[in-house]
Amino acid sequence: MSDSKNIEKLVIIGSGPAGWTAAIYAARAMLQPVVYEGAISEENRLRGTLPLGQLNLTTEVENFPGFPKGIMGPELMSAMREQSEHAGAKILTEDVVTVDLSKRPFVLTDSAGTTLSAHAVIIATGASANYLGLPSEEKYKNLGVSACAVCDGALPRFRDQPLIIVGGGDTACEEGNYLTKFASVVHLVHRRDTLRASKIMAERTLNNPKIRPVWDSVVEEVLGNDSTGMTGVRVKNLKTGEMQTIDAAGMFVAIGHTPNIGFLKGQLPTDPNKFIVLPNPASSYTNIEGVFAAGDVHDSIYKQAITAAGSGCKAALDAERWLASKGVH
């Protein structure tokens, strides 16, 4: 494979912790990476896929190493972006609309209609948390409504307060149990009368004295006010139609994540939940040579900023070694 002035060595798609970490490592390796951070559009705002990733929608981040007093999500992500640019990454504020992985070099087309060719691509577009889709839910996001108990559960506003967890799978059970470390009580709202979680996880959840199941029910509305944020939820029983109000300082939605991979149009293998499947999970190589995946786009288990950052490092190192093996420096 020969280099060319018209072909980028490496294009990184995505601008969360995985994308920026990959960009920092790749830039320091003199790969002159191009980073597609995403477009600033109303569509992306509604989907939660604006530049800088999910952390840019988070307020306090208390579990990212190096910040003993915590740091605001947007501040952390802006710093990562700045560090990437300082290291030498070129940043494009557009979405990648299509990418052709069937030929070399790979060809990418962005939302401005620009076409780029690249020897290697790192996909770090993340996964968007699934929400209920309620207007009231949107209103109180980061004011009591969250999709990550591990990220937000220890925040002062939730300590010794009643909380809501929505869902019935392993994620809901894991996060519900996690929240009991901080909450006075956790109401688990599930639309069925049994949990979908694995048997051992379901038993652990139902045996937890701090967890109170609210069966056959859905959240109809998130309640709150401008001064204190969320104060509770209005829940409907699907069998009886009965409505009840549950006081709570927070609601954690645990109904899964959807990876942001629509632009790939099925060119990489995925699991049933659309996460990219890596042939060797210990590396970032996909089943297409020269294409690497980093962060939540392939991680259906951890979904943390720090694991995404580590994954981005791995992808950059893998890409650098692969490019060197092909004679691209």
C-alpha atoms as a PDB file:
ATOM      1  CA  MET A   1       0.000   0.000   0.000  1.00  0.00           C
ATOM      2  CA  SER A   2       1.513   3.342  -0.983  1.00  0.00           C
ATOM      3  CA  ASP A   3       0.845   6.708   0.616  1.00  0.00           C
ATOM      4  CA  SER A   4      -0.599   9.626  -1.301  1.00  0.00           C
ATOM      5  CA  LYS A   5      -1.130  13.301  -0.591  1.00  0.00           C
ATOM      6  CA  ASN A   6      -4.754  12.828  -1.588  1.00  0.00           C
ATOM      7  CA  ILE A   7      -5.370   9.968   0.833  1.00  0.00           C
ATOM      8  CA  GLU A   8      -5.663  10.519   4.572  1.00  0.00           C
ATOM      9  CA  LYS A   9      -3.689   8.093   6.697  1.00  0.00           C
ATOM     10  CA  LEU A  10      -6.395   7.822   9.341  1.00  0.00           C
ATOM     11  CA  VAL A  11      -9.940   9.089   9.759  1.00  0.00           C
ATOM     12  CA  ILE A  12     -11.584   8.910  13.189  1.00  0.00           C
ATOM     13  CA  ILE A  13     -15.379   9.050  13.242  1.00  0.00           C
ATOM     14  CA  GLY A  14     -16.771  10.193  16.592  1.00  0.00           C
ATOM     15  CA  SER A  15     -15.989  12.722  19.281  1.00  0.00           C
ATOM     16  CA  GLY A  16     -16.513  11.099  22.668  1.00  0.00           C
ATOM     17  CA  PRO A  17     -13.725   9.944  24.997  1.00  0.00           C
ATOM     18  CA  ALA A  18     -12.842   7.097  22.595  1.00  0.00           C
ATOM     19  CA  GLY A  19     -12.566   9.344  19.552  1.00  0.00           C
ATOM     20  CA  TRP A  20     -10.554  12.078  21.233  1.00  0.00           C
ATOM     21  CA  THR A  21      -8.176   9.643  22.930  1.00  0.00           C
ATOM     22  CA  ALA A  22      -7.602   7.916  19.605  1.00  0.00           C
ATOM     23  CA  ALA A  23      -6.968  11.316  18.025  1.00  0.00           C
ATOM     24  CA  ILE A  24      -4.413  12.315  20.691  1.00  0.00           C
ATOM     25  CA  TYR A  25      -2.448   9.076  20.309  1.00  0.00           C
ATOM     26  CA  ALA A  26      -2.665   9.083  16.522  1.00  0.00           C
ATOM     27  CA  ALA A  27      -1.622  12.728  16.234  1.00  0.00           C
ATOM     28  CA  ARG A  28       1.353  12.178  18.527  1.00  0.00           C
ATOM     29  CA  ALA A  29       2.326   9.263  16.258  1.00  0.00           C
ATOM     30  CA  MET A  30       2.412  11.735  13.348  1.00  0.00           C
ATOM     31  CA  LEU A  31      -0.536  10.123  11.577  1.00  0.00           C
ATOM     32  CA  GLN A  32      -2.217  13.528  11.047  1.00  0.00           C
ATOM     33  CA  PRO A  33      -5.670  12.100  11.838  1.00  0.00           C
ATOM     34  CA  VAL A  34      -8.857  13.670  10.588  1.00  0.00           C
ATOM     35  CA  VAL A  35     -11.617  13.612  13.211  1.00  0.00           C
ATOM     36  CA  TYR A  36     -15.262  13.832  12.229  1.00  0.00           C
ATOM     37  CA  GLU A  37     -16.772  15.173  15.441  1.00  0.00           C
ATOM     38  CA  GLY A  38     -20.338  15.306  14.115  1.00  0.00           C
ATOM     39  CA  ALA A  39     -22.551  18.080  12.852  1.00  0.00           C
ATOM     40  CA  ILE A  40     -24.254  20.703  15.007  1.00  0.00           C
ATOM     41  CA  SER A  41     -27.830  20.077  13.924  1.00  0.00           C
ATOM     42  CA  GLU A  42     -31.300  19.878  15.422  1.00  0.00           C
ATOM     43  CA  GLU A  43     -31.516  16.229  14.378  1.00  0.00           C
ATOM     44  CA  ASN A  44     -28.356  15.402  16.312  1.00  0.00           C
ATOM     45  CA  ARG A  45     -29.559  17.402  19.301  1.00  0.00           C
ATOM     46  CA  LEU A  46     -32.772  15.402  19.477  1.00  0.00           C
ATOM     47  CA  ARG A  47     -30.887  12.120  19.140  1.00  0.00           C
ATOM     48  CA  GLY A  48     -28.295  13.132  21.724  1.00  0.00           C
ATOM     49  CA  THR A  49     -25.492  12.821  19.172  1.00  0.00           C
ATOM     50  CA  LEU A  50     -24.099  16.337  19.069  1.00  0.00           C
ATOM     51  CA  PRO A  51     -20.297  16.779  19.024  1.00  0.00           C
ATOM     52  CA  LEU A  52     -18.414  15.825  22.218  1.00  0.00           C
ATOM     53  CA  GLY A  53     -20.600  12.810  22.942  1.00  0.00           C
ATOM     54  CA  GLN A  54     -22.809  11.827  25.867  1.00  0.00           C
ATOM     55  CA  LEU A  55     -20.503  13.363  28.476  1.00  0.00           C
ATOM     56  CA  ASN A  56     -21.229  16.768  26.990  1.00  0.00           C
ATOM     57  CA  LEU A  57     -24.824  16.236  28.148  1.00  0.00           C
ATOM     58  CA  THR A  58     -23.736  15.338  31.674  1.00  0.00           C
ATOM     59  CA  THR A  59     -23.253  17.775  34.517  1.00  0.00           C
ATOM     60  CA  GLU A  60     -20.849  16.503  37.179  1.00  0.00           C
ATOM     61  CA  VAL A  61     -18.384  13.693  36.426  1.00  0.00           C
ATOM     62  CA  GLU A  62     -16.936  12.326  39.669  1.00  0.00           C
ATOM     63  CA  ASN A  63     -15.397   9.025  38.551  1.00  0.00           C
ATOM     64  CA  PHE A  64     -12.931  10.062  35.834  1.00  0.00           C
ATOM     65  CA  PRO A  65      -9.385   9.658  37.242  1.00  0.00           C
ATOM     66  CA  GLY A  66      -7.395  12.806  37.842  1.00  0.00           C
ATOM     67  CA  PHE A  67     -10.206  15.015  39.071  1.00  0.00           C
ATOM     68  CA  PRO A  68     -10.579  14.418  42.831  1.00  0.00           C
ATOM     69  CA  LYS A  69     -13.219  17.134  43.140  1.00  0.00           C
ATOM     70  CA  GLY A  70     -15.007  16.076  39.965  1.00  0.00           C
ATOM     71  CA  ILE A  71     -15.320  17.939  36.688  1.00  0.00           C
ATOM     72  CA  MET A  72     -18.232  19.089  34.553  1.00  0.00           C
ATOM     73  CA  GLY A  73     -18.871  16.813  31.562  1.00  0.00           C
ATOM     74  CA  PRO A  74     -18.688  19.590  28.936  1.00  0.00           C
ATOM     75  CA  GLU A  75     -15.457  20.888  30.481  1.00  0.00           C
ATOM     76  CA  LEU A  76     -13.835  17.448  30.315  1.00  0.00           C
ATOM     77  CA  MET A  77     -14.870  16.887  26.715  1.00  0.00           C
ATOM     78  CA  SER A  78     -13.790  20.362  25.601  1.00  0.00           C
ATOM     79  CA  ALA A  79     -10.385  19.733  27.168  1.00  0.00           C
ATOM     80  CA  MET A  80     -10.067  16.415  25.302  1.00  0.00           C
ATOM     81  CA  ARG A  81     -10.968  18.153  22.050  1.00  0.00           C
ATOM     82  CA  GLU A  82      -8.464  20.936  22.680  1.00  0.00           C
ATOM     83  CA  GLN A  83      -5.736  18.406  23.489  1.00  0.00           C
ATOM     84  CA  SER A  84      -6.469  16.531  20.266  1.00  0.00           C
ATOM     85  CA  GLU A  85      -6.205  19.707  18.222  1.00  0.00           C
ATOM     86  CA  HIS A  86      -3.044  20.761  20.035  1.00  0.00           C
ATOM     87  CA  ALA A  87      -1.489  17.377  19.234  1.00  0.00           C
ATOM     88  CA  GLY A  88      -2.179  17.920  15.547  1.00  0.00           C
ATOM     89  CA  ALA A  89      -5.569  16.395  14.750  1.00  0.00           C
ATOM     90  CA  LYS A  90      -7.676  18.036  12.053  1.00  0.00           C
ATOM     91  CA  ILE A  91     -11.298  18.369  13.184  1.00  0.00           C
ATOM     92  CA  LEU A  92     -14.297  18.473  10.859  1.00  0.00           C
ATOM     93  CA  THR A  93     -17.674  19.446  12.332  1.00  0.00           C
ATOM     94  CA  GLU A  94     -19.749  17.265  10.020  1.00  0.00           C
ATOM     95  CA  ASP A  95     -21.421  13.865  10.133  1.00  0.00           C
ATOM     96  CA  VAL A  96     -20.141  10.964   8.076  1.00  0.00           C
ATOM     97  CA  VAL A  97     -23.138  10.073   5.937  1.00  0.00           C
ATOM     98  CA  THR A  98     -21.709   7.080   4.095  1.00  0.00           C
ATOM     99  CA  VAL A  99     -18.489   5.096   4.109  1.00  0.00           C
ATOM    100  CA  ASP A 100     -17.505   2.515   1.524  1.00  0.00           C
ATOM    101  CA  LEU A 101     -15.438  -0.191   3.187  1.00  0.00           C
ATOM    102  CA  SER A 102     -15.519  -2.504   0.169  1.00  0.00           C
ATOM    103  CA  LYS A 103     -12.537  -0.962  -1.601  1.00  0.00           C
ATOM    104  CA  ARG A 104      -9.179   0.591  -0.762  1.00  0.00           C
ATOM    105  CA  PRO A 105      -8.615   3.312   0.081  1.00  0.00           C
ATOM    106  CA  PHE A 106     -11.880   3.638   1.984  1.00  0.00           C
ATOM    107  CA  VAL A 107     -14.168   6.431   0.771  1.00  0.00           C
ATOM    108  CA  LEU A 108     -16.167   8.606   3.164  1.00  0.00           C
ATOM    109  CA  THR A 109     -18.822  11.189   2.301  1.00  0.00           C
ATOM    110  CA  ASP A 110     -19.863  13.758   4.901  1.00  0.00           C
ATOM    111  CA  SER A 111     -22.919  15.926   5.523  1.00  0.00           C
ATOM    112  CA  ALA A 112     -21.329  18.825   3.603  1.00  0.00           C
ATOM    113  CA  GLY A 113     -21.046  16.634   0.518  1.00  0.00           C
ATOM    114  CA  THR A 114     -17.271  16.360   0.809  1.00  0.00           C
ATOM    115  CA  THR A 115     -15.600  13.057  -0.064  1.00  0.00           C
ATOM    116  CA  LEU A 116     -12.448  11.822   1.650  1.00  0.00           C
ATOM    117  CA  SER A 117     -10.278   8.780   1.049  1.00  0.00           C
ATOM    118  CA  ALA A 118      -8.491   7.057   3.920  1.00  0.00           C
ATOM    119  CA  HIS A 119      -6.114   4.160   4.424  1.00  0.00           C
ATOM    120  CA  ALA A 120      -7.518   3.407   7.895  1.00  0.00           C
ATOM    121  CA  VAL A 121     -10.702   4.268   9.802  1.00  0.00           C
ATOM    122  CA  ILE A 122     -11.513   4.221  13.510  1.00  0.00           C
ATOM    123  CA  ILE A 123     -15.227   4.051  14.294  1.00  0.00           C
ATOM    124  CA  ALA A 124     -15.909   5.692  17.660  1.00  0.00           C
ATOM    125  CA  THR A 125     -19.452   6.973  17.219  1.00  0.00           C
ATOM    126  CA  GLY A 126     -20.703   5.668  20.556  1.00  0.00           C
ATOM    127  CA  ALA A 127     -24.138   4.461  21.528  1.00  0.00           C
ATOM    128  CA  SER A 128     -27.128   6.588  22.434  1.00  0.00           C
ATOM    129  CA  ALA A 129     -29.073   5.723  25.563  1.00  0.00           C
ATOM    130  CA  ASN A 130     -32.646   4.713  24.902  1.00  0.00           C
ATOM    131  CA  TYR A 131     -35.127   6.963  26.668  1.00  0.00           C
ATOM    132  CA  LEU A 132     -38.883   6.721  27.074  1.00  0.00           C
ATOM    133  CA  GLY A 133     -39.542   9.606  24.709  1.00  0.00           C
ATOM    134  CA  LEU A 134     -41.632  11.710  27.081  1.00  0.00           C
ATOM    135  CA  PRO A 135     -41.522  15.529  26.802  1.00  0.00           C
ATOM    136  CA  SER A 136     -41.356  15.723  30.607  1.00  0.00           C
ATOM    137  CA  GLU A 137     -38.448  13.295  30.587  1.00  0.00           C
ATOM    138  CA  GLU A 138     -36.549  15.539  28.175  1.00  0.00           C
ATOM    139  CA  LYS A 139     -37.301  18.561  30.365  1.00  0.00           C
ATOM    140  CA  TYR A 140     -35.675  17.028  33.445  1.00  0.00           C
ATOM    141  CA  LYS A 141     -32.630  15.375  31.860  1.00  0.00           C
ATOM    142  CA  ASN A 142     -29.656  16.170  34.104  1.00  0.00           C
ATOM    143  CA  LEU A 143     -32.155  17.592  36.593  1.00  0.00           C
ATOM    144  CA  GLY A 144     -33.027  14.187  37.998  1.00  0.00           C
ATOM    145  CA  VAL A 145     -33.405  12.106  34.840  1.00  0.00           C
ATOM    146  CA  SER A 146     -30.403  10.027  33.802  1.00  0.00           C
ATOM    147  CA  ALA A 147     -29.557   6.942  31.764  1.00  0.00           C
ATOM    148  CA  CYS A 148     -26.441   5.997  33.730  1.00  0.00           C
ATOM    149  CA  ALA A 149     -26.616   5.049  37.397  1.00  0.00           C
ATOM    150  CA  VAL A 150     -22.877   4.417  37.621  1.00  0.00           C
ATOM    151  CA  CYS A 151     -22.191   7.889  36.194  1.00  0.00           C
ATOM    152  CA  ASP A 152     -24.688   9.850  38.272  1.00  0.00           C
ATOM    153  CA  GLY A 153     -26.023   7.722  41.125  1.00  0.00           C
ATOM    154  CA  ALA A 154     -23.572   9.004  43.736  1.00  0.00           C
ATOM    155  CA  LEU A 155     -24.361  12.674  43.117  1.00  0.00           C
ATOM    156  CA  PRO A 156     -25.524  14.608  46.194  1.00  0.00           C
ATOM    157  CA  ARG A 157     -29.047  15.195  44.837  1.00  0.00           C
ATOM    158  CA  PHE A 158     -29.741  11.437  44.904  1.00  0.00           C
ATOM    159  CA  ARG A 159     -28.271  10.522  48.295  1.00  0.00           C
ATOM    160  CA  ASP A 160     -30.754   9.212  50.844  1.00  0.00           C
ATOM    161  CA  GLN A 161     -33.591   9.979  48.438  1.00  0.00           C
ATOM    162  CA  PRO A 162     -36.210   7.729  46.811  1.00  0.00           C
ATOM    163  CA  LEU A 163     -35.244   6.899  43.216  1.00  0.00           C
ATOM    164  CA  ILE A 164     -36.849   5.275  40.171  1.00  0.00           C
ATOM    165  CA  ILE A 165     -35.237   2.695  37.892  1.00  0.00           C
ATOM    166  CA  VAL A 166     -37.074   1.880  34.657  1.00  0.00           C
ATOM    167  CA  GLY A 167     -36.533  -1.493  32.980  1.00  0.00           C
ATOM    168  CA  GLY A 168     -36.527  -5.212  33.669  1.00  0.00           C
ATOM    169  CA  GLY A 169     -33.352  -6.602  32.144  1.00  0.00           C
ATOM    170  CA  ASP A 170     -29.887  -7.216  33.546  1.00  0.00           C
ATOM    171  CA  THR A 171     -28.915  -3.562  33.120  1.00  0.00           C
ATOM    172  CA  ALA A 172     -31.927  -2.341  35.096  1.00  0.00           C
ATOM    173  CA  CYS A 173     -31.241  -4.874  37.840  1.00  0.00           C
ATOM    174  CA  GLU A 174     -27.541  -4.072  38.025  1.00  0.00           C
ATOM    175  CA  GLU A 175     -28.175  -0.350  38.128  1.00  0.00           C
ATOM    176  CA  GLY A 176     -31.050  -0.751  40.580  1.00  0.00           C
ATOM    177  CA  ASN A 177     -28.827  -2.677  42.976  1.00  0.00           C
ATOM    178  CA  TYR A 178     -26.064  -0.110  42.507  1.00  0.00           C
ATOM    179  CA  LEU A 179     -28.440   2.730  43.360  1.00  0.00           C
ATOM    180  CA  THR A 180     -29.383   1.135  46.673  1.00  0.00           C
ATOM    181  CA  LYS A 181     -25.926   2.146  47.929  1.00  0.00           C
ATOM    182  CA  PHE A 182     -27.095   5.749  47.870  1.00  0.00           C
ATOM    183  CA  ALA A 183     -30.901   5.828  47.741  1.00  0.00           C
ATOM    184  CA  SER A 184     -33.357   5.489  50.608  1.00  0.00           C
ATOM    185  CA  VAL A 185     -35.467   3.241  48.370  1.00  0.00           C
ATOM    186  CA  VAL A 186     -35.458   2.271  44.676  1.00  0.00           C
ATOM    187  CA  HIS A 187     -38.775   1.785  42.869  1.00  0.00           C
ATOM    188  CA  LEU A 188     -38.247  -0.537  39.894  1.00  0.00           C
ATOM    189  CA  VAL A 189     -40.885   0.222  37.254  1.00  0.00           C
ATOM    190  CA  HIS A 190     -41.363  -2.586  34.742  1.00  0.00           C
ATOM    191  CA  ARG A 191     -44.069  -3.078  32.137  1.00  0.00           C
ATOM    192  CA  ARG A 192     -44.328  -6.832  32.844  1.00  0.00           C
ATOM    193  CA  ASP A 193     -44.954  -8.846  36.009  1.00  0.00           C
ATOM    194  CA  THR A 194     -41.612 -10.669  35.881  1.00  0.00           C
ATOM    195  CA  LEU A 195     -38.056  -9.508  35.232  1.00  0.00           C
ATOM    196  CA  ARG A 196     -36.352 -10.288  31.921  1.00  0.00           C
ATOM    197  CA  ALA A 197     -32.978 -10.384  33.663  1.00  0.00           C
ATOM    198  CA  SER A 198     -30.936 -13.525  34.191  1.00  0.00           C
ATOM    199  CA  LYS A 199     -32.183 -15.680  37.060  1.00  0.00           C
ATOM    200  CA  ILE A 200     -29.346 -14.864  39.444  1.00  0.00           C
ATOM    201  CA  MET A 201     -29.620 -11.128  38.758  1.00  0.00           C
ATOM    202  CA  ALA A 202     -33.407 -11.187  39.141  1.00  0.00           C
ATOM    203  CA  GLU A 203     -33.145 -13.013  42.467  1.00  0.00           C
ATOM    204  CA  ARG A 204     -30.543 -10.605  43.771  1.00  0.00           C
ATOM    205  CA  THR A 205     -32.751  -7.684  42.815  1.00  0.00           C
ATOM    206  CA  LEU A 206     -35.976  -9.012  44.272  1.00  0.00           C
ATOM    207  CA  ASN A 207     -34.202 -10.010  47.486  1.00  0.00           C
ATOM    208  CA  ASN A 208     -32.771  -6.527  47.960  1.00  0.00           C
ATOM    209  CA  PRO A 209     -34.821  -4.919  50.763  1.00  0.00           C
ATOM    210  CA  LYS A 210     -34.327  -1.456  49.275  1.00  0.00           C
ATOM    211  CA  ILE A 211     -35.848  -2.355  45.885  1.00  0.00           C
ATOM    212  CA  ARG A 212     -39.617  -2.193  45.469  1.00  0.00           C
ATOM    213  CA  PRO A 213     -40.985  -3.540  42.163  1.00  0.00           C
ATOM    214  CA  VAL A 214     -43.792  -1.654  40.459  1.00  0.00           C
ATOM    215  CA  TRP A 215     -45.120  -4.365  38.141  1.00  0.00           C
ATOM    216  CA  ASP A 216     -47.150  -4.052  34.920  1.00  0.00           C
ATOM    217  CA  SER A 217     -46.505  -0.337  34.867  1.00  0.00           C
ATOM    218  CA  VAL A 218     -45.072   2.430  32.728  1.00  0.00           C
ATOM    219  CA  VAL A 219     -43.999   5.976  33.498  1.00  0.00           C
ATOM    220  CA  GLU A 220     -46.516   8.388  31.970  1.00  0.00           C
ATOM    221  CA  GLU A 221     -44.970  11.643  33.152  1.00  0.00           C
ATOM    222  CA  VAL A 222     -41.957  12.967  35.032  1.00  0.00           C
ATOM    223  CA  LEU A 223     -42.976  15.523  37.644  1.00  0.00           C
ATOM    224  CA  GLY A 224     -40.939  18.437  38.928  1.00  0.00           C
ATOM    225  CA  ASN A 225     -40.418  22.165  39.058  1.00  0.00           C
ATOM    226  CA  ASP A 226     -37.894  24.746  37.922  1.00  0.00           C
ATOM    227  CA  SER A 227     -36.299  25.254  41.324  1.00  0.00           C
ATOM    228  CA  THR A 228     -35.567  21.666  42.411  1.00  0.00           C
ATOM    229  CA  GLY A 229     -35.862  19.713  39.168  1.00  0.00           C
ATOM    230  CA  MET A 230     -37.525  16.309  39.207  1.00  0.00           C
ATOM    231  CA  THR A 231     -39.723  15.506  42.220  1.00  0.00           C
ATOM    232  CA  GLY A 232     -41.478  12.294  41.156  1.00  0.00           C
ATOM    233  CA  VAL A 233     -43.205  10.315  38.416  1.00  0.00           C
ATOM    234  CA  ARG A 234     -46.750   9.511  37.443  1.00  0.00           C
ATOM    235  CA  VAL A 235     -47.066   5.779  36.722  1.00  0.00           C
ATOM    236  CA  LYS A 236     -49.850   3.889  34.930  1.00  0.00           C
ATOM    237  CA  ASN A 237     -50.728   0.252  35.613  1.00  0.00           C
ATOM    238  CA  LEU A 238     -51.190  -1.374  32.195  1.00  0.00           C
ATOM    239  CA  LYS A 239     -53.625  -3.997  33.485  1.00  0.00           C
ATOM    240  CA  THR A 240     -55.909  -1.853  35.617  1.00  0.00           C
ATOM    241  CA  GLY A 241     -55.347   1.590  34.132  1.00  0.00           C
ATOM    242  CA  GLU A 242     -54.796   2.903  37.651  1.00  0.00           C
ATOM    243  CA  MET A 243     -52.508   5.922  37.981  1.00  0.00           C
ATOM    244  CA  GLN A 244     -50.226   6.565  40.936  1.00  0.00           C
ATOM    245  CA  THR A 245     -47.660   9.187  41.822  1.00  0.00           C
ATOM    246  CA  ILE A 246     -44.316   8.107  43.245  1.00  0.00           C
ATOM    247  CA  ASP A 247     -42.147  10.735  44.915  1.00  0.00           C
ATOM    248  CA  ALA A 248     -38.531  10.489  43.752  1.00  0.00           C
ATOM    249  CA  ALA A 249     -35.508  12.721  43.347  1.00  0.00           C
ATOM    250  CA  GLY A 250     -34.311  10.848  40.291  1.00  0.00           C
ATOM    251  CA  MET A 251     -35.305   8.496  37.484  1.00  0.00           C
ATOM    252  CA  PHE A 252     -32.738   6.232  35.844  1.00  0.00           C
ATOM    253  CA  VAL A 253     -33.801   4.803  32.491  1.00  0.00           C
ATOM    254  CA  ALA A 254     -32.205   1.398  31.887  1.00  0.00           C
ATOM    255  CA  ILE A 255     -33.807   0.149  28.688  1.00  0.00           C
ATOM    256  CA  GLY A 256     -30.654  -0.246  26.654  1.00  0.00           C
ATOM    257  CA  HIS A 257     -28.459   1.680  24.242  1.00  0.00           C
ATOM    258  CA  THR A 258     -28.461   1.889  20.461  1.00  0.00           C
ATOM    259  CA  PRO A 259     -25.048   2.185  18.749  1.00  0.00           C
ATOM    260  CA  ASN A 260     -24.756   5.064  16.288  1.00  0.00           C
ATOM    261  CA  ILE A 261     -23.811   3.040  13.218  1.00  0.00           C
ATOM    262  CA  GLY A 262     -26.529   3.816  10.679  1.00  0.00           C
ATOM    263  CA  PHE A 263     -23.940   5.259   8.290  1.00  0.00           C
ATOM    264  CA  LEU A 264     -22.210   1.864   8.061  1.00  0.00           C
ATOM    265  CA  LYS A 265     -25.265   0.341   6.375  1.00  0.00           C
ATOM    266  CA  GLY A 266     -24.514  -3.172   7.599  1.00  0.00           C
ATOM    267  CA  GLN A 267     -20.918  -3.407   6.380  1.00  0.00           C
ATOM    268  CA  LEU A 268     -19.663  -4.694   9.752  1.00  0.00           C
ATOM    269  CA  PRO A 269     -21.105  -7.598  11.764  1.00  0.00           C
ATOM    270  CA  THR A 270     -23.176  -6.660  14.804  1.00  0.00           C
ATOM    271  CA  ASP A 271     -24.859  -8.466  17.672  1.00  0.00           C
ATOM    272  CA  PRO A 272     -28.661  -8.479  18.083  1.00  0.00           C
ATOM    273  CA  ASN A 273     -28.466  -5.089  19.823  1.00  0.00           C
ATOM    274  CA  LYS A 274     -26.482  -3.542  16.945  1.00  0.00           C
ATOM    275  CA  PHE A 275     -23.125  -3.362  18.764  1.00  0.00           C
ATOM    276  CA  ILE A 276     -20.165  -3.996  16.453  1.00  0.00           C
ATOM    277  CA  VAL A 277     -18.730  -7.483  16.990  1.00  0.00           C
ATOM    278  CA  LEU A 278     -14.929  -7.668  17.124  1.00  0.00           C
ATOM    279  CA  PRO A 279     -13.263 -10.951  16.069  1.00  0.00           C
ATOM    280  CA  ASN A 280     -10.884 -10.594  19.027  1.00  0.00           C
ATOM    281  CA  PRO A 281     -12.431  -8.451  21.776  1.00  0.00           C
ATOM    282  CA  ALA A 282      -8.982  -7.865  23.278  1.00  0.00           C
ATOM    283  CA  SER A 283      -8.062  -5.734  20.246  1.00  0.00           C
ATOM    284  CA  SER A 284      -9.867  -3.061  18.239  1.00  0.00           C
ATOM    285  CA  TYR A 285      -9.614  -4.799  14.846  1.00  0.00           C
ATOM    286  CA  THR A 286     -12.912  -5.367  13.056  1.00  0.00           C
ATOM    287  CA  ASN A 287     -13.358  -8.085  10.455  1.00  0.00           C
ATOM    288  CA  ILE A 288     -12.306  -5.595   7.743  1.00  0.00           C
ATOM    289  CA  GLU A 289      -8.582  -4.937   7.593  1.00  0.00           C
ATOM    290  CA  GLY A 290      -7.800  -1.294   8.328  1.00  0.00           C
ATOM    291  CA  VAL A 291     -11.078  -0.635  10.133  1.00  0.00           C
ATOM    292  CA  PHE A 292     -11.038  -0.363  13.919  1.00  0.00           C
ATOM    293  CA  ALA A 293     -13.753   0.187  16.528  1.00  0.00           C
ATOM    294  CA  ALA A 294     -13.451   1.994  19.844  1.00  0.00           C
ATOM    295  CA  GLY A 295     -15.723   2.845  22.746  1.00  0.00           C
ATOM    296  CA  ASP A 296     -19.408   2.261  23.269  1.00  0.00           C
ATOM    297  CA  VAL A 297     -20.014   1.424  19.619  1.00  0.00           C
ATOM    298  CA  HIS A 298     -18.765  -2.095  20.411  1.00  0.00           C
ATOM    299  CA  ASP A 299     -18.934  -2.131  24.228  1.00  0.00           C
ATOM    300  CA  SER A 300     -22.305  -3.435  25.363  1.00  0.00           C
ATOM    301  CA  ILE A 301     -21.084  -4.122  28.911  1.00  0.00           C
ATOM    302  CA  TYR A 302     -19.169  -1.295  30.564  1.00  0.00           C
ATOM    303  CA  LYS A 303     -20.133   1.899  28.699  1.00  0.00           C
ATOM    304  CA  GLN A 304     -17.955   4.185  30.840  1.00  0.00           C
ATOM    305  CA  ALA A 305     -15.925   7.214  29.788  1.00  0.00           C
ATOM    306  CA  ILE A 306     -12.708   5.709  31.121  1.00  0.00           C
ATOM    307  CA  THR A 307     -13.155   2.366  29.323  1.00  0.00           C
ATOM    308  CA  ALA A 308     -14.031   4.239  26.129  1.00  0.00           C
ATOM    309  CA  ALA A 309     -10.863   6.322  26.463  1.00  0.00           C
ATOM    310  CA  GLY A 310      -8.767   3.200  26.969  1.00  0.00           C
ATOM    311  CA  SER A 311     -10.426   1.635  23.953  1.00  0.00           C
ATOM    312  CA  GLY A 312      -9.570   4.712  21.877  1.00  0.00           C
ATOM    313  CA  CYS A 313      -5.936   4.373  22.878  1.00  0.00           C
ATOM    314  CA  LYS A 314      -5.941   0.740  21.769  1.00  0.00           C
ATOM    315  CA  ALA A 315      -7.530   1.630  18.431  1.00  0.00           C
ATOM    316  CA  ALA A 316      -4.947   4.315  17.690  1.00  0.00           C
ATOM    317  CA  LEU A 317      -2.063   1.979  18.541  1.00  0.00           C
ATOM    318  CA  ASP A 318      -3.591  -0.821  16.476  1.00  0.00           C
ATOM    319  CA  ALA A 319      -4.139   1.541  13.543  1.00  0.00           C
ATOM    320  CA  GLU A 320      -0.590   2.896  13.772  1.00  0.00           C
ATOM    321  CA  ARG A 321       0.911  -0.602  13.740  1.00  0.00           C
ATOM    322  CA  TRP A 322      -1.331  -1.738  10.923  1.00  0.00           C
ATOM    323  CA  LEU A 323      -0.502   1.300   8.788  1.00  0.00           C
ATOM    324  CA  ALA A 324       3.223   0.774   9.424  1.00  0.00           C
ATOM    325  CA  SER A 325       2.900  -2.846   8.319  1.00  0.00           C
ATOM    326  CA  LYS A 326       1.442  -1.558   5.050  1.00  0.00           C
ATOM    327  CA  GLY A 327       4.200   0.971   4.535  1.00  0.00           C
ATOM    328  CA  VAL A 328       2.149   4.031   5.456  1.00  0.00           C
ATOM    329  CA  HIS A 329       4.032   6.333   7.853  1.00  0.00           C
END
